[in-house]
Amino acid sequence: MSASTALPLRTLFSNWLKQWRDEAKARHSQSALVFNTAYEALRACPLVFAHPAELAQLAGVGKTLVQRLTERLEAWCEEQGLPMPQRRELPSQSSVSCTAERNSSAPRAGCRLRRLV
């Protein structure tokens, strides 16, 4: 997909995380904290995500949340008549940092990525 026809994945993921956070808050569920952590990490990080599995590097995003986002994205793509984005292979690193951190000596405030082993 070209940039002009790319799916609005960041917006979709952000909206879904916010929706789930708000629903969990309404139920007084502690999962609201997890959704909020993931939501804030996504908002703060400038990386481009092509598949929900790539969000696993963000703080607050684990296997369960990746699975939930993947299922939601599959349903959304089906509703829109669009193909499901293919999962990309992430580079193997002992730690992952934001593009902003790699390009400057000062870390980007708020960009919380987990250490990958």
Protein backbone atom coordinates (compact mmCIF):
# COMPACT_ATOMS: atom_id res chain seq x y z
CA MET A 1 0.00 0.00 0.00
CA SER A 2 1.20 3.46 -0.77
CA ALA A 3 1.23 6.22 1.80
CA SER A 4 -1.90 7.74 0.26
CA THR A 5 -3.86 4.47 0.54
CA ALA A 6 -2.35 3.24 3.81
CA LEU A 7 -4.75 2.16 6.48
CA PRO A 8 -5.18 4.61 9.39
CA LEU A 9 -3.82 1.99 11.79
CA ARG A 10 -2.39 4.33 14.42
CA THR A 11 -5.75 6.10 14.67
CA LEU A 12 -7.67 2.82 14.78
CA PHE A 13 -5.43 1.31 17.45
CA SER A 14 -5.54 4.49 19.50
CA ASN A 15 -9.32 4.77 19.27
CA TRP A 16 -9.85 1.12 20.22
CA LEU A 17 -7.48 1.33 23.18
CA LYS A 18 -9.21 4.49 24.37
CA GLN A 19 -12.65 2.89 23.95
CA TRP A 20 -11.61 -0.23 25.89
CA ARG A 21 -10.02 1.94 28.59
CA ASP A 22 -13.21 3.98 28.97
CA GLU A 23 -15.38 0.84 29.08
CA ALA A 24 -13.10 -0.70 31.72
CA LYS A 25 -13.22 2.52 33.77
CA ALA A 26 -17.03 2.46 33.64
CA ARG A 27 -16.95 -1.09 35.05
CA HIS A 28 -14.34 -0.04 37.66
CA SER A 29 -12.04 -2.71 36.22
CA GLN A 30 -8.31 -2.68 36.84
CA SER A 31 -7.78 -3.48 33.15
CA ALA A 32 -8.36 0.24 32.58
CA LEU A 33 -4.80 0.77 33.83
CA VAL A 34 -3.39 -1.61 31.21
CA PHE A 35 -5.40 -0.02 28.41
CA ASN A 36 -4.37 3.44 29.55
CA THR A 37 -0.68 2.49 29.68
CA ALA A 38 -0.86 1.06 26.17
CA TYR A 39 -2.87 4.04 24.89
CA GLU A 40 -0.42 6.58 26.32
CA ALA A 41 2.61 4.62 25.03
CA LEU A 42 1.11 4.53 21.52
CA ARG A 43 0.33 8.24 21.59
CA ALA A 44 3.86 9.10 22.73
CA CYS A 45 5.77 6.94 20.26
CA PRO A 46 6.42 8.17 16.71
CA LEU A 47 6.99 4.71 15.19
CA VAL A 48 4.75 3.54 12.33
CA PHE A 49 2.90 0.31 13.00
CA ALA A 50 1.69 -1.91 10.16
CA HIS A 51 0.21 -4.74 12.25
CA PRO A 52 -1.04 -5.09 15.84
CA ALA A 53 1.79 -7.53 16.63
CA GLU A 54 4.23 -4.64 16.27
CA LEU A 55 2.63 -2.90 19.25
CA ALA A 56 3.98 -5.64 21.53
CA GLN A 57 7.13 -3.54 21.90
CA LEU A 58 5.13 -0.81 23.66
CA ALA A 59 4.72 -0.67 27.41
CA GLY A 60 1.38 -2.15 28.43
CA VAL A 61 0.88 -4.22 25.29
CA GLY A 62 1.14 -7.97 25.76
CA LYS A 63 0.03 -11.07 23.87
CA THR A 64 -3.60 -10.80 24.95
CA LEU A 65 -3.92 -7.18 23.86
CA VAL A 66 -2.15 -7.91 20.56
CA GLN A 67 -4.61 -10.76 19.94
CA ARG A 68 -7.57 -8.53 20.77
CA LEU A 69 -6.32 -5.74 18.48
CA THR A 70 -5.65 -8.27 15.69
CA GLU A 71 -9.16 -9.69 15.94
CA ARG A 72 -10.64 -6.20 15.93
CA LEU A 73 -8.53 -5.18 12.92
CA GLU A 74 -9.53 -8.34 11.01
CA ALA A 75 -13.21 -7.54 11.60
CA TRP A 76 -12.68 -3.89 10.61
CA CYS A 77 -10.85 -4.85 7.40
CA GLU A 78 -13.61 -7.31 6.51
CA GLU A 79 -16.29 -4.64 7.09
CA GLN A 80 -14.37 -2.18 4.91
CA GLY A 81 -13.61 -4.76 2.20
CA LEU A 82 -9.86 -4.27 2.71
CA PRO A 83 -7.10 -6.87 3.00
CA MET A 84 -5.67 -7.56 6.43
CA PRO A 85 -2.18 -6.03 6.71
CA GLN A 86 0.62 -8.58 6.72
CA ARG A 87 2.76 -9.00 9.79
CA ARG A 88 6.28 -7.61 9.36
CA GLU A 89 9.38 -9.10 10.94
CA LEU A 90 10.89 -6.75 13.49
CA PRO A 91 14.66 -6.45 13.71
CA SER A 92 16.17 -8.56 16.47
CA GLN A 93 17.76 -6.29 19.06
CA SER A 94 18.57 -6.53 22.73
CA SER A 95 16.65 -3.30 23.18
CA VAL A 96 14.45 -1.25 20.93
CA SER A 97 14.33 2.51 20.99
CA CYS A 98 12.25 5.10 19.23
CA THR A 99 13.50 6.63 16.01
CA ALA A 100 13.85 9.94 17.84
CA GLU A 101 16.12 8.31 20.41
CA ARG A 102 18.31 6.70 17.77
CA ASN A 103 18.70 9.99 15.94
CA SER A 104 19.56 12.12 18.97
CA SER A 105 21.33 11.76 22.25
CA ALA A 106 18.30 12.95 24.23
CA PRO A 107 15.55 10.36 24.77
CA ARG A 108 12.07 11.21 23.58
CA ALA A 109 9.93 11.99 26.59
CA GLY A 110 7.02 9.62 27.04
CA CYS A 111 8.07 7.04 24.45
CA ARG A 112 8.00 3.89 26.57
CA LEU A 113 9.14 0.77 24.77
CA ARG A 114 9.83 -2.54 26.45
CA ARG A 115 13.21 -4.18 26.29
CA LEU A 116 13.16 -7.07 23.85
CA VAL A 117 15.48 -10.02 24.41
